[in-house]
N, C-alpha and C. Protein backbone atom coordinates (compact mmCIF):
# COMPACT_ATOMS: atom_id res chain seq x y z
N MET A 1 49.69 70.85 163.99
CA MET A 1 48.33 70.60 164.45
C MET A 1 48.35 70.33 165.95
N HIS A 2 47.42 70.90 166.65
CA HIS A 2 47.30 70.70 168.09
C HIS A 2 46.98 69.23 168.35
N PRO A 3 47.70 68.57 169.29
CA PRO A 3 47.51 67.13 169.49
C PRO A 3 46.12 66.71 169.95
N SER A 4 45.36 67.62 170.59
CA SER A 4 44.03 67.22 171.06
C SER A 4 42.96 67.40 170.00
N VAL A 5 43.29 68.02 168.89
CA VAL A 5 42.28 68.27 167.87
C VAL A 5 41.86 66.98 167.19
N ALA A 6 42.81 66.19 166.81
CA ALA A 6 42.44 64.99 166.07
C ALA A 6 43.54 63.95 166.15
N ARG A 7 43.15 62.73 165.93
CA ARG A 7 44.13 61.67 165.77
C ARG A 7 43.67 60.83 164.59
N ARG A 8 44.60 60.33 163.84
CA ARG A 8 44.26 59.56 162.65
C ARG A 8 44.09 58.10 163.03
N ARG A 9 43.08 57.49 162.47
CA ARG A 9 42.85 56.06 162.62
C ARG A 9 42.84 55.47 161.23
N ALA A 10 42.68 54.17 161.14
CA ALA A 10 42.78 53.49 159.85
C ALA A 10 41.81 54.04 158.81
N ALA A 11 40.57 54.28 159.21
CA ALA A 11 39.57 54.65 158.20
C ALA A 11 38.89 55.98 158.46
N VAL A 12 39.31 56.67 159.49
CA VAL A 12 38.59 57.89 159.83
C VAL A 12 39.52 58.85 160.57
N ILE A 13 39.26 60.11 160.43
CA ILE A 13 39.95 61.11 161.24
C ILE A 13 38.95 61.57 162.29
N VAL A 14 39.33 61.45 163.55
CA VAL A 14 38.42 61.74 164.66
C VAL A 14 38.85 63.02 165.35
N ALA A 15 37.94 63.95 165.49
CA ALA A 15 38.19 65.18 166.24
C ALA A 15 37.52 65.05 167.60
N HIS A 16 38.19 65.44 168.64
CA HIS A 16 37.65 65.35 170.00
C HIS A 16 36.53 66.38 170.17
N PRO A 17 35.32 65.94 170.55
CA PRO A 17 34.16 66.85 170.58
C PRO A 17 34.21 67.92 171.67
N ASP A 18 34.98 67.71 172.73
CA ASP A 18 35.02 68.68 173.83
C ASP A 18 36.07 69.76 173.65
N ASP A 19 36.85 69.68 172.61
CA ASP A 19 37.93 70.64 172.40
C ASP A 19 37.40 71.88 171.69
N GLU A 20 37.65 73.04 172.27
CA GLU A 20 37.14 74.29 171.66
C GLU A 20 37.79 74.60 170.32
N THR A 21 38.86 73.91 169.99
CA THR A 21 39.51 74.12 168.70
C THR A 21 38.95 73.19 167.62
N LEU A 22 37.85 72.54 167.93
CA LEU A 22 37.28 71.55 167.01
C LEU A 22 37.05 72.12 165.61
N TRP A 23 36.39 73.27 165.52
CA TRP A 23 36.06 73.81 164.19
C TRP A 23 37.32 74.18 163.43
N CYS A 24 38.24 74.81 164.09
CA CYS A 24 39.50 75.19 163.44
C CYS A 24 40.26 73.92 163.04
N GLY A 25 40.31 72.96 163.94
CA GLY A 25 41.00 71.71 163.65
C GLY A 25 40.36 70.97 162.50
N GLY A 26 39.03 70.96 162.47
CA GLY A 26 38.32 70.28 161.38
C GLY A 26 38.63 70.93 160.04
N PHE A 27 38.70 72.24 160.05
CA PHE A 27 39.03 72.97 158.82
C PHE A 27 40.44 72.62 158.36
N ILE A 28 41.37 72.57 159.31
CA ILE A 28 42.76 72.22 159.00
C ILE A 28 42.83 70.80 158.44
N LEU A 29 42.07 69.89 159.02
CA LEU A 29 42.05 68.51 158.52
C LEU A 29 41.51 68.46 157.09
N LEU A 30 40.45 69.21 156.83
CA LEU A 30 39.90 69.24 155.48
C LEU A 30 40.91 69.80 154.48
N LEU A 31 41.61 70.85 154.87
CA LEU A 31 42.65 71.39 153.99
C LEU A 31 43.73 70.35 153.74
N GLY A 32 44.08 69.62 154.79
CA GLY A 32 45.07 68.55 154.64
C GLY A 32 44.60 67.50 153.66
N LEU A 33 43.33 67.15 153.73
CA LEU A 33 42.79 66.16 152.80
C LEU A 33 42.79 66.69 151.37
N LEU A 34 42.49 67.97 151.22
CA LEU A 34 42.51 68.56 149.88
C LEU A 34 43.91 68.51 149.27
N LYS A 35 44.91 68.65 150.10
CA LYS A 35 46.29 68.68 149.62
C LYS A 35 46.91 67.30 149.45
N ASP A 36 46.36 66.29 150.12
CA ASP A 36 47.02 64.98 150.18
C ASP A 36 46.17 63.91 149.50
N ALA A 37 46.40 63.71 148.21
CA ALA A 37 45.63 62.72 147.45
C ALA A 37 45.86 61.31 148.00
N GLY A 38 47.06 61.03 148.45
CA GLY A 38 47.35 59.70 149.01
C GLY A 38 46.55 59.42 150.26
N LEU A 39 46.43 60.41 151.14
CA LEU A 39 45.63 60.25 152.36
C LEU A 39 44.17 60.06 152.01
N ARG A 40 43.67 60.85 151.06
CA ARG A 40 42.26 60.67 150.63
C ARG A 40 42.04 59.26 150.12
N ARG A 41 42.96 58.77 149.31
CA ARG A 41 42.83 57.42 148.75
C ARG A 41 42.87 56.38 149.86
N ARG A 42 43.84 56.50 150.78
CA ARG A 42 43.97 55.52 151.86
C ARG A 42 42.74 55.51 152.76
N LEU A 43 42.24 56.70 153.11
CA LEU A 43 41.04 56.77 153.94
C LEU A 43 39.84 56.19 153.22
N GLY A 44 39.71 56.49 151.93
CA GLY A 44 38.60 55.94 151.15
C GLY A 44 38.66 54.43 151.06
N GLU A 45 39.84 53.90 150.78
CA GLU A 45 39.99 52.44 150.68
C GLU A 45 39.73 51.77 152.02
N ALA A 46 40.27 52.35 153.09
CA ALA A 46 40.06 51.76 154.42
C ALA A 46 38.59 51.83 154.82
N GLY A 47 37.92 52.93 154.49
CA GLY A 47 36.50 53.06 154.80
C GLY A 47 35.67 52.05 154.03
N ARG A 48 36.01 51.83 152.78
CA ARG A 48 35.30 50.83 151.97
C ARG A 48 35.50 49.44 152.54
N ARG A 49 36.75 49.10 152.88
CA ARG A 49 37.02 47.77 153.48
C ARG A 49 36.19 47.58 154.75
N ARG A 50 36.18 48.59 155.58
CA ARG A 50 35.43 48.50 156.85
C ARG A 50 33.94 48.33 156.58
N ALA A 51 33.41 49.09 155.64
CA ALA A 51 31.98 48.98 155.32
C ALA A 51 31.64 47.58 154.79
N VAL A 52 32.47 47.06 153.90
CA VAL A 52 32.23 45.73 153.34
C VAL A 52 32.33 44.67 154.44
N GLU A 53 33.37 44.79 155.29
CA GLU A 53 33.55 43.81 156.37
C GLU A 53 32.40 43.83 157.37
N ARG A 54 31.91 45.01 157.72
CA ARG A 54 30.90 45.12 158.76
C ARG A 54 29.47 45.07 158.26
N PHE A 55 29.22 45.50 157.03
CA PHE A 55 27.84 45.68 156.59
C PHE A 55 27.45 44.87 155.36
N ASP A 56 28.32 43.98 154.91
CA ASP A 56 27.95 43.06 153.84
C ASP A 56 26.74 42.25 154.33
N TYR A 57 25.79 41.98 153.46
CA TYR A 57 24.55 41.33 153.91
C TYR A 57 24.81 39.97 154.54
N ARG A 58 25.84 39.26 154.09
CA ARG A 58 26.15 37.96 154.70
C ARG A 58 26.65 38.12 156.13
N THR A 59 27.47 39.15 156.35
CA THR A 59 27.97 39.42 157.70
C THR A 59 26.85 39.84 158.62
N VAL A 60 25.99 40.73 158.15
CA VAL A 60 24.86 41.20 158.97
C VAL A 60 23.92 40.03 159.27
N ALA A 61 23.63 39.20 158.29
CA ALA A 61 22.74 38.05 158.50
C ALA A 61 23.34 37.08 159.52
N ARG A 62 24.63 36.81 159.40
CA ARG A 62 25.29 35.90 160.34
C ARG A 62 25.24 36.45 161.76
N ARG A 63 25.51 37.74 161.91
CA ARG A 63 25.46 38.35 163.25
C ARG A 63 24.04 38.34 163.81
N PHE A 64 23.05 38.56 162.94
CA PHE A 64 21.66 38.52 163.37
C PHE A 64 21.29 37.13 163.88
N VAL A 65 21.65 36.10 163.13
CA VAL A 65 21.35 34.72 163.54
C VAL A 65 22.04 34.39 164.85
N GLU A 66 23.30 34.81 164.99
CA GLU A 66 24.03 34.55 166.24
C GLU A 66 23.35 35.24 167.42
N LEU A 67 22.98 36.50 167.24
CA LEU A 67 22.33 37.26 168.31
C LEU A 67 20.96 36.66 168.65
N ALA A 68 20.17 36.36 167.64
CA ALA A 68 18.84 35.79 167.88
C ALA A 68 18.96 34.43 168.56
N SER A 69 19.88 33.61 168.11
CA SER A 69 20.09 32.28 168.72
C SER A 69 20.48 32.42 170.17
N ASP A 70 21.38 33.37 170.44
CA ASP A 70 21.82 33.59 171.82
C ASP A 70 20.67 34.06 172.69
N ARG A 71 19.90 35.01 172.20
CA ARG A 71 18.78 35.56 172.97
C ARG A 71 17.68 34.52 173.21
N LEU A 72 17.49 33.64 172.23
CA LEU A 72 16.45 32.62 172.34
C LEU A 72 16.94 31.35 173.01
N GLY A 73 18.25 31.29 173.29
CA GLY A 73 18.81 30.11 173.93
C GLY A 73 18.95 28.93 172.99
N ILE A 74 19.04 29.19 171.71
CA ILE A 74 19.20 28.13 170.71
C ILE A 74 20.67 28.04 170.37
N HIS A 75 21.23 26.83 170.53
CA HIS A 75 22.67 26.68 170.23
C HIS A 75 22.91 25.51 169.35
């Protein structure tokens, strides 16, 4: 795989948007995912963890209160 096409991160595979090989690279990545059940599982689990950590209603509510308190000068 061409090094500028993509790099793997914990929960996502990122393709560089300015690279003209993006479509070909994306197709290669999809084929890789089709062939690698372990990678699919790891990416799915990591994505779920990230979603729960960032978007759980308690986390969102806490961040909202912190932001509103900061903006309103309430400490």
